[in-house]
Amino acid sequence: MKLLFSFLLITLAGQGAAQLNRVAQAAGKLYFGTATNIEELSDSAYAAIINNRTEFGQITAANVMKWDSTEPSRGVFTFGAGDQIAALAKKNNQLLRGHNCVWHQQLPSWVTAGHFDAPTLSSIVSTHCSALMYVSKFQIPLELNFHPQTKDSWDVINECLNDDGTFRQSVFFDTLNTSFIATALRAARAADPQAKLYINDFNIEGQGPKSTAMVNLVKSLQAQKVPIDGIGIQAHLLVGGVPPTLLANLKQFTALGVEVAITELDVRMTLPVTAALLAQQRRDYQTVISACQAVKGCIGVTVWDFSDKVGAFSGPEENALVDLSFYSFLGCLELLLVKVPLALGTRTWYGNPLLTA
């Protein structure tokens, strides 16, 4: 794994930089992005990649903007770590994806065990979302503020649905029913009218009860004139597990008049690695990116970090682009390059001519 990570670093330092974001933008997407955690930024090799805007045009704060990190005690807000990631994006002219305002996990005990009545908890949700949005908006690069299609995004609501399409039990749903969703979105819009507001969830990649519930939720919010700009499709996948209805589902979502983003893409495989697993993992990354490319309203793809040193899952599985599956990394690049035959001129990628113009 270290060999592949080093190989990528050497390539990035030379004329053959992969330039995933640049190629994605040339292919008509808004960005190619990655998640990150604050502790990873002290690794100089890792930082060299994430600071390269030609590689990643959008940064997601994986953990440090969640409730337990930002409001550990009621009314006491701590934005230091989140501000560091927001400042990183600002410095590099990268878009920021805030993650997240309201989620049933990583909550401090004062929220989960506070036994608040409905009006009080509703006020708490509103205050929390307002504070997060208000602080983060001042980290948007000034030069991006004036471009109508390059606004930062926020996963305002995260994982509010069960796989069967019902609403997830949580302190918010149990006390407020579904009204917390509208409360959070309205507070977010009031605090930052320019940000793109998303509902983000997993297992909505393909058509089924959960994706149907997402469609119905968005329609309901729209009917109530609640601000909603996008649906985030997490896309935590297993090798060989890309739903065959992914493309149709993207079209179903964008038909609602909202944008769609692949927000947390990774494709995990059970170790040990085999050539067949690597080849399938590569095809899976390509399939997801191809589906996003085919739908105008799918604005971009974000991987859930680009190194197997970190990621959403631990254990006997590996998933990320660089350390383990060099072939998956190349697969993403090859697929994007198909769409930009004149974008980069004649270039040799890792010894193979993938593009000639």
Protein backbone atom coordinates (compact mmCIF):
# COMPACT_ATOMS: atom_id res chain seq x y z
CA MET A 1 0.00 0.00 0.00
CA LYS A 2 2.80 2.42 0.83
CA LEU A 3 4.34 1.76 -2.58
CA LEU A 4 1.19 2.88 -4.39
CA PHE A 5 0.76 5.92 -2.16
CA SER A 6 4.35 6.94 -2.84
CA PHE A 7 3.91 6.30 -6.55
CA LEU A 8 0.95 8.67 -6.62
CA LEU A 9 2.93 11.33 -4.78
CA ILE A 10 5.76 11.06 -7.30
CA THR A 11 3.28 11.38 -10.13
CA LEU A 12 1.58 14.38 -8.55
CA ALA A 13 4.92 16.10 -8.16
CA GLY A 14 5.81 15.71 -11.83
CA GLN A 15 4.29 16.53 -15.18
CA GLY A 16 1.91 13.60 -15.04
CA ALA A 17 -0.24 14.84 -12.15
CA ALA A 18 -3.53 12.98 -12.13
CA GLN A 19 -5.64 16.15 -11.81
CA LEU A 20 -8.91 14.40 -11.00
CA ASN A 21 -10.73 17.64 -10.24
CA ARG A 22 -9.46 19.41 -13.31
CA VAL A 23 -10.51 16.53 -15.52
CA ALA A 24 -13.91 16.23 -13.80
CA GLN A 25 -14.58 19.91 -14.38
CA ALA A 26 -13.52 19.63 -18.01
CA ALA A 27 -16.01 16.75 -18.27
CA GLY A 28 -18.79 19.07 -17.14
CA LYS A 29 -18.97 18.33 -13.42
CA LEU A 30 -18.61 20.97 -10.72
CA TYR A 31 -15.91 19.12 -8.76
CA PHE A 32 -14.21 15.89 -7.77
CA GLY A 33 -13.88 15.93 -3.99
CA THR A 34 -12.69 14.10 -0.92
CA ALA A 35 -13.51 13.89 2.75
CA THR A 36 -10.82 14.49 5.34
CA ASN A 37 -10.23 14.48 9.08
CA ILE A 38 -8.23 17.07 10.97
CA GLU A 39 -5.62 14.61 12.28
CA GLU A 40 -4.68 13.54 8.75
CA LEU A 41 -3.55 17.02 7.77
CA SER A 42 -0.37 16.71 9.85
CA ASP A 43 0.86 14.05 7.40
CA SER A 44 2.86 16.08 4.90
CA ALA A 45 2.47 13.54 2.10
CA TYR A 46 -1.29 13.41 2.60
CA ALA A 47 -1.51 17.20 2.87
CA ALA A 48 0.37 17.65 -0.40
CA ILE A 49 -2.42 15.82 -2.22
CA ILE A 50 -5.41 17.37 -0.50
CA ASN A 51 -3.99 20.87 -0.94
CA ASN A 52 -3.76 20.33 -4.68
CA ARG A 53 -6.92 21.84 -6.17
CA THR A 54 -6.33 20.12 -9.49
CA GLU A 55 -6.89 16.84 -7.61
CA PHE A 56 -9.76 17.78 -5.31
CA GLY A 57 -12.05 20.75 -5.81
CA GLN A 58 -14.27 20.09 -2.82
CA ILE A 59 -13.50 19.12 0.78
CA THR A 60 -15.88 17.47 3.23
CA ALA A 61 -15.25 17.67 6.95
CA ALA A 62 -15.76 14.03 7.90
CA ASN A 63 -16.21 14.43 11.66
CA VAL A 64 -15.28 17.77 13.16
CA MET A 65 -18.48 19.60 12.21
CA LYS A 66 -20.77 17.06 13.84
CA TRP A 67 -22.81 17.98 16.89
CA ASP A 68 -20.59 16.42 19.56
CA SER A 69 -17.62 18.37 18.20
CA THR A 70 -19.33 21.71 17.66
CA GLU A 71 -21.77 22.03 20.58
CA PRO A 72 -20.56 19.67 23.33
CA SER A 73 -22.54 21.62 25.93
CA ARG A 74 -25.77 23.47 25.31
CA GLY A 75 -25.05 26.89 23.88
CA VAL A 76 -21.27 26.36 24.05
CA PHE A 77 -19.94 26.19 20.50
CA THR A 78 -16.45 25.03 19.54
CA PHE A 79 -15.56 25.54 15.90
CA GLY A 80 -11.77 25.34 16.05
CA ALA A 81 -11.23 22.05 14.21
CA GLY A 82 -14.03 22.71 11.75
CA ASP A 83 -12.63 26.14 11.05
CA GLN A 84 -9.26 24.57 10.20
CA ILE A 85 -10.82 22.47 7.45
CA ALA A 86 -12.93 25.38 6.24
CA ALA A 87 -9.81 27.57 6.17
CA LEU A 88 -7.97 24.86 4.22
CA ALA A 89 -10.68 24.89 1.57
CA LYS A 90 -10.68 28.68 1.48
CA LYS A 91 -6.90 28.84 1.09
CA ASN A 92 -6.99 26.39 -1.82
CA ASN A 93 -10.11 27.86 -3.48
CA GLN A 94 -11.88 24.56 -2.88
CA LEU A 95 -15.57 24.19 -2.18
CA LEU A 96 -16.55 23.15 1.35
CA ARG A 97 -19.15 20.54 2.23
CA GLY A 98 -20.39 20.93 5.78
CA HIS A 99 -21.21 17.62 7.42
CA ASN A 100 -23.58 17.73 9.22
CA CYS A 101 -26.21 19.72 11.13
CA VAL A 102 -28.66 17.07 12.38
CA TRP A 103 -27.85 13.37 12.73
CA HIS A 104 -28.93 10.71 15.18
CA GLN A 105 -25.33 9.72 15.97
CA GLN A 106 -22.35 11.53 17.53
CA LEU A 107 -24.67 13.56 19.72
CA PRO A 108 -23.61 14.79 23.16
CA SER A 109 -25.54 13.37 26.09
CA TRP A 110 -27.15 16.71 26.85
CA VAL A 111 -29.10 16.28 23.59
CA THR A 112 -29.93 12.58 23.81
CA ALA A 113 -30.73 12.56 27.54
CA GLY A 114 -32.03 16.08 27.98
CA HIS A 115 -35.72 15.07 27.98
CA PHE A 116 -36.65 18.31 26.27
CA ASP A 117 -40.22 19.08 25.30
CA ALA A 118 -41.02 19.69 21.65
CA PRO A 119 -40.75 23.51 21.60
CA THR A 120 -37.42 23.43 23.44
CA LEU A 121 -35.86 20.74 21.25
CA SER A 122 -37.09 22.51 18.13
CA SER A 123 -35.39 25.68 19.32
CA ILE A 124 -32.20 23.73 20.05
CA VAL A 125 -32.18 22.30 16.50
CA SER A 126 -32.75 25.74 15.01
CA THR A 127 -30.02 27.36 17.09
CA HIS A 128 -27.50 24.63 16.34
CA CYS A 129 -28.05 24.72 12.58
CA SER A 130 -28.01 28.51 12.51
CA ALA A 131 -24.72 28.65 14.38
CA LEU A 132 -23.00 26.10 12.12
CA MET A 133 -24.14 27.77 8.93
CA TYR A 134 -23.39 31.29 10.12
CA VAL A 135 -19.83 30.49 11.11
CA SER A 136 -18.96 28.38 8.07
CA LYS A 137 -20.20 30.88 5.49
CA PHE A 138 -17.40 33.29 6.36
CA GLN A 139 -14.87 30.69 5.21
CA ILE A 140 -16.19 30.64 1.60
CA PRO A 141 -13.51 31.92 -0.78
CA LEU A 142 -14.47 35.44 -1.82
CA GLU A 143 -13.82 34.71 -5.47
CA LEU A 144 -16.36 31.87 -5.31
CA ASN A 145 -19.04 33.99 -3.68
CA PHE A 146 -19.75 35.72 -6.95
CA HIS A 147 -20.12 32.61 -9.10
CA PRO A 148 -23.77 31.52 -9.07
CA GLN A 149 -22.97 27.83 -9.51
CA THR A 150 -20.14 27.44 -7.00
CA LYS A 151 -21.75 27.57 -3.58
CA ASP A 152 -20.72 25.55 -0.58
CA SER A 153 -23.02 22.71 0.47
CA TRP A 154 -24.30 21.41 3.78
CA ASP A 155 -25.67 18.02 4.73
CA VAL A 156 -28.31 19.64 6.91
CA ILE A 157 -30.16 16.39 7.53
CA ASN A 158 -28.17 13.16 7.65
CA GLU A 159 -29.60 9.64 7.57
CA CYS A 160 -33.18 10.33 8.61
CA LEU A 161 -34.64 7.27 6.83
CA ASN A 162 -34.67 3.54 7.51
CA ASP A 163 -34.05 1.06 4.71
CA ASP A 164 -37.76 0.20 4.59
CA GLY A 165 -38.64 3.83 3.91
CA THR A 166 -39.90 4.71 7.37
CA PHE A 167 -38.40 7.53 9.39
CA ARG A 168 -35.52 6.62 11.68
CA GLN A 169 -36.11 6.61 15.42
CA SER A 170 -34.04 9.31 17.08
CA VAL A 171 -34.32 11.87 19.84
CA PHE A 172 -35.44 14.32 17.15
CA PHE A 173 -38.09 12.14 15.51
CA ASP A 174 -39.36 10.75 18.82
CA THR A 175 -39.98 14.27 20.15
CA LEU A 176 -40.74 16.30 17.03
CA ASN A 177 -41.91 13.71 14.50
CA THR A 178 -40.73 14.92 11.07
CA SER A 179 -40.94 18.64 11.85
CA PHE A 180 -37.26 18.76 12.86
CA ILE A 181 -36.35 18.37 9.18
CA ALA A 182 -38.14 21.54 8.12
CA THR A 183 -36.93 23.37 11.21
CA ALA A 184 -33.30 22.56 10.44
CA LEU A 185 -33.55 23.44 6.75
CA ARG A 186 -35.30 26.74 7.40
CA ALA A 187 -32.76 27.71 10.04
CA ALA A 188 -29.91 26.83 7.69
CA ARG A 189 -31.35 28.90 4.86
CA ALA A 190 -31.90 31.91 7.13
CA ALA A 191 -28.32 31.73 8.41
CA ASP A 192 -26.73 31.31 4.97
CA PRO A 193 -29.02 32.03 2.01
CA GLN A 194 -26.23 31.15 -0.45
CA ALA A 195 -25.42 27.62 0.72
CA LYS A 196 -26.79 24.52 -0.98
CA LEU A 197 -28.89 22.57 1.51
CA TYR A 198 -28.94 18.76 1.28
CA ILE A 199 -30.55 15.72 2.79
CA ASN A 200 -27.87 13.01 2.81
CA ASP A 201 -28.38 9.26 3.21
CA PHE A 202 -27.02 5.79 2.47
CA ASN A 203 -28.65 2.89 0.63
CA ILE A 204 -30.47 5.26 -1.71
CA GLU A 205 -28.14 4.53 -4.62
CA GLY A 206 -30.69 2.28 -6.34
CA GLN A 207 -34.45 2.34 -6.60
CA GLY A 208 -36.34 0.81 -3.70
CA PRO A 209 -38.39 1.70 -0.61
CA LYS A 210 -35.76 4.03 0.82
CA SER A 211 -35.17 5.99 -2.38
CA THR A 212 -38.95 6.23 -2.89
CA ALA A 213 -39.25 7.60 0.64
CA MET A 214 -36.58 10.18 -0.20
CA VAL A 215 -38.55 11.26 -3.27
CA ASN A 216 -41.69 11.61 -1.18
CA LEU A 217 -39.85 13.53 1.53
CA VAL A 218 -38.46 16.04 -0.96
CA LYS A 219 -41.88 16.46 -2.57
CA SER A 220 -43.42 17.07 0.85
CA LEU A 221 -40.80 19.67 1.73
CA GLN A 222 -41.28 21.41 -1.60
CA ALA A 223 -45.05 21.49 -1.09
CA GLN A 224 -44.46 23.18 2.28
CA LYS A 225 -42.00 25.60 0.64
CA VAL A 226 -39.20 24.32 2.86
CA PRO A 227 -35.79 25.06 1.29
CA ILE A 228 -34.14 21.95 -0.14
CA ASP A 229 -31.49 22.12 -2.86
CA GLY A 230 -30.08 18.64 -3.15
CA ILE A 231 -30.00 14.96 -2.30
CA GLY A 232 -26.72 13.46 -1.15
CA ILE A 233 -26.16 9.84 -2.12
CA GLN A 234 -23.50 8.45 0.19
CA ALA A 235 -22.56 5.39 -1.91
CA HIS A 236 -20.75 3.28 0.66
CA LEU A 237 -20.60 0.16 -1.50
CA LEU A 238 -19.23 -3.37 -1.47
CA VAL A 239 -17.29 -4.68 -4.44
CA GLY A 240 -19.76 -5.82 -7.08
CA GLY A 241 -22.62 -4.11 -5.28
CA VAL A 242 -23.42 -1.10 -7.46
CA PRO A 243 -27.22 -1.20 -7.91
CA PRO A 244 -28.27 -1.69 -11.55
CA THR A 245 -30.88 1.04 -11.08
CA LEU A 246 -28.34 3.70 -10.06
CA LEU A 247 -28.68 5.73 -13.26
CA ALA A 248 -32.48 5.58 -13.23
CA ASN A 249 -32.47 6.64 -9.60
CA LEU A 250 -30.25 9.66 -10.27
CA LYS A 251 -32.70 10.72 -12.97
CA GLN A 252 -35.62 10.16 -10.60
CA PHE A 253 -34.04 12.44 -8.01
CA THR A 254 -33.04 15.22 -10.40
CA ALA A 255 -36.55 15.17 -11.92
CA LEU A 256 -37.65 16.69 -8.61
CA GLY A 257 -35.80 19.87 -9.54
CA VAL A 258 -32.99 19.36 -7.02
CA GLU A 259 -29.33 18.64 -7.65
CA VAL A 260 -27.70 15.36 -6.70
CA ALA A 261 -24.19 14.62 -5.48
CA ILE A 262 -22.33 11.40 -4.72
CA THR A 263 -21.12 12.41 -1.28
CA GLU A 264 -19.22 9.56 0.42
CA LEU A 265 -18.12 7.13 -2.27
CA ASP A 266 -16.05 4.13 -1.33
CA VAL A 267 -16.03 0.55 -2.59
CA ARG A 268 -14.94 -1.96 0.03
CA MET A 269 -13.51 -5.41 -0.51
CA THR A 270 -12.83 -8.22 1.92
CA LEU A 271 -9.15 -9.05 2.29
CA PRO A 272 -7.06 -10.70 0.99
CA VAL A 273 -6.94 -8.77 -2.25
CA THR A 274 -7.23 -10.68 -5.51
CA ALA A 275 -6.83 -9.54 -9.09
CA ALA A 276 -10.51 -10.23 -9.69
CA LEU A 277 -11.56 -8.08 -6.73
CA LEU A 278 -9.33 -5.24 -7.87
CA ALA A 279 -10.74 -5.38 -11.37
CA GLN A 280 -14.31 -5.36 -10.06
CA GLN A 281 -13.57 -2.52 -7.66
CA ARG A 282 -12.20 -0.51 -10.55
CA ARG A 283 -15.33 -1.19 -12.61
CA ASP A 284 -17.53 -0.19 -9.68
CA TYR A 285 -15.86 3.19 -9.31
CA GLN A 286 -16.20 3.70 -13.04
CA THR A 287 -19.88 2.73 -13.01
CA VAL A 288 -20.73 5.26 -10.31
CA ILE A 289 -18.78 8.06 -11.98
CA SER A 290 -20.27 7.18 -15.36
CA ALA A 291 -23.80 7.39 -13.94
CA CYS A 292 -23.09 10.81 -12.46
CA GLN A 293 -21.60 11.98 -15.74
CA ALA A 294 -24.70 10.87 -17.62
CA VAL A 295 -27.04 13.00 -15.50
CA LYS A 296 -26.70 16.75 -15.81
CA GLY A 297 -28.07 17.40 -12.34
CA CYS A 298 -25.43 15.19 -10.70
CA ILE A 299 -22.92 17.89 -9.88
CA GLY A 300 -19.96 15.90 -8.59
CA VAL A 301 -18.44 12.94 -6.81
CA THR A 302 -16.75 12.97 -3.41
CA VAL A 303 -14.75 9.97 -2.19
CA TRP A 304 -14.80 9.19 1.52
CA ASP A 305 -11.12 9.96 1.73
CA PHE A 306 -8.52 8.84 -0.75
CA SER A 307 -6.27 6.66 1.39
CA ASP A 308 -6.95 3.31 3.00
CA LYS A 309 -5.26 4.64 6.12
CA VAL A 310 -8.59 6.29 6.87
CA GLY A 311 -12.19 5.89 5.82
CA ALA A 312 -15.69 5.19 7.06
CA PHE A 313 -15.05 1.56 7.93
CA SER A 314 -12.42 -0.39 9.81
CA GLY A 315 -11.70 -4.09 9.92
CA PRO A 316 -10.73 -6.72 7.34
CA GLU A 317 -11.85 -4.57 4.41
CA GLU A 318 -10.20 -1.92 2.30
CA ASN A 319 -11.83 0.65 0.13
CA ALA A 320 -10.03 3.82 -0.86
CA LEU A 321 -8.57 5.00 -4.13
CA VAL A 322 -4.87 5.30 -3.51
CA ASP A 323 -3.20 2.99 -1.04
CA LEU A 324 -4.80 -0.29 -1.95
CA SER A 325 -6.42 -0.04 -5.33
CA PHE A 326 -4.16 1.83 -7.67
CA TYR A 327 -6.22 0.32 -10.45
CA SER A 328 -9.39 1.89 -9.05
CA PHE A 329 -7.68 5.26 -9.02
CA LEU A 330 -6.69 4.82 -12.64
CA GLY A 331 -10.18 3.63 -13.43
CA CYS A 332 -11.68 6.90 -12.17
CA LEU A 333 -9.18 8.87 -14.19
CA GLU A 334 -9.66 6.86 -17.36
CA LEU A 335 -13.43 7.20 -17.19
CA LEU A 336 -13.21 10.97 -16.75
CA LEU A 337 -10.69 11.33 -19.56
CA VAL A 338 -13.08 9.71 -22.02
CA LYS A 339 -15.20 12.85 -21.72
CA VAL A 340 -12.40 15.37 -22.32
CA PRO A 341 -10.47 14.37 -25.45
CA LEU A 342 -9.03 17.86 -25.91
CA ALA A 343 -8.80 19.08 -22.34
CA LEU A 344 -5.25 18.20 -21.44
CA GLY A 345 -3.45 17.68 -24.73
CA THR A 346 -1.06 14.80 -25.28
CA ARG A 347 -0.05 13.28 -21.97
CA THR A 348 1.28 9.96 -20.80
CA TRP A 349 -0.35 8.66 -17.64
CA TYR A 350 1.72 6.17 -15.64
CA GLY A 351 3.43 4.95 -18.80
CA ASN A 352 0.22 4.36 -20.78
CA PRO A 353 -1.20 6.82 -23.32
CA LEU A 354 -4.75 7.22 -22.05
CA LEU A 355 -5.32 10.45 -23.90
CA THR A 356 -4.07 11.78 -27.20
CA ALA A 357 -5.20 15.00 -28.83
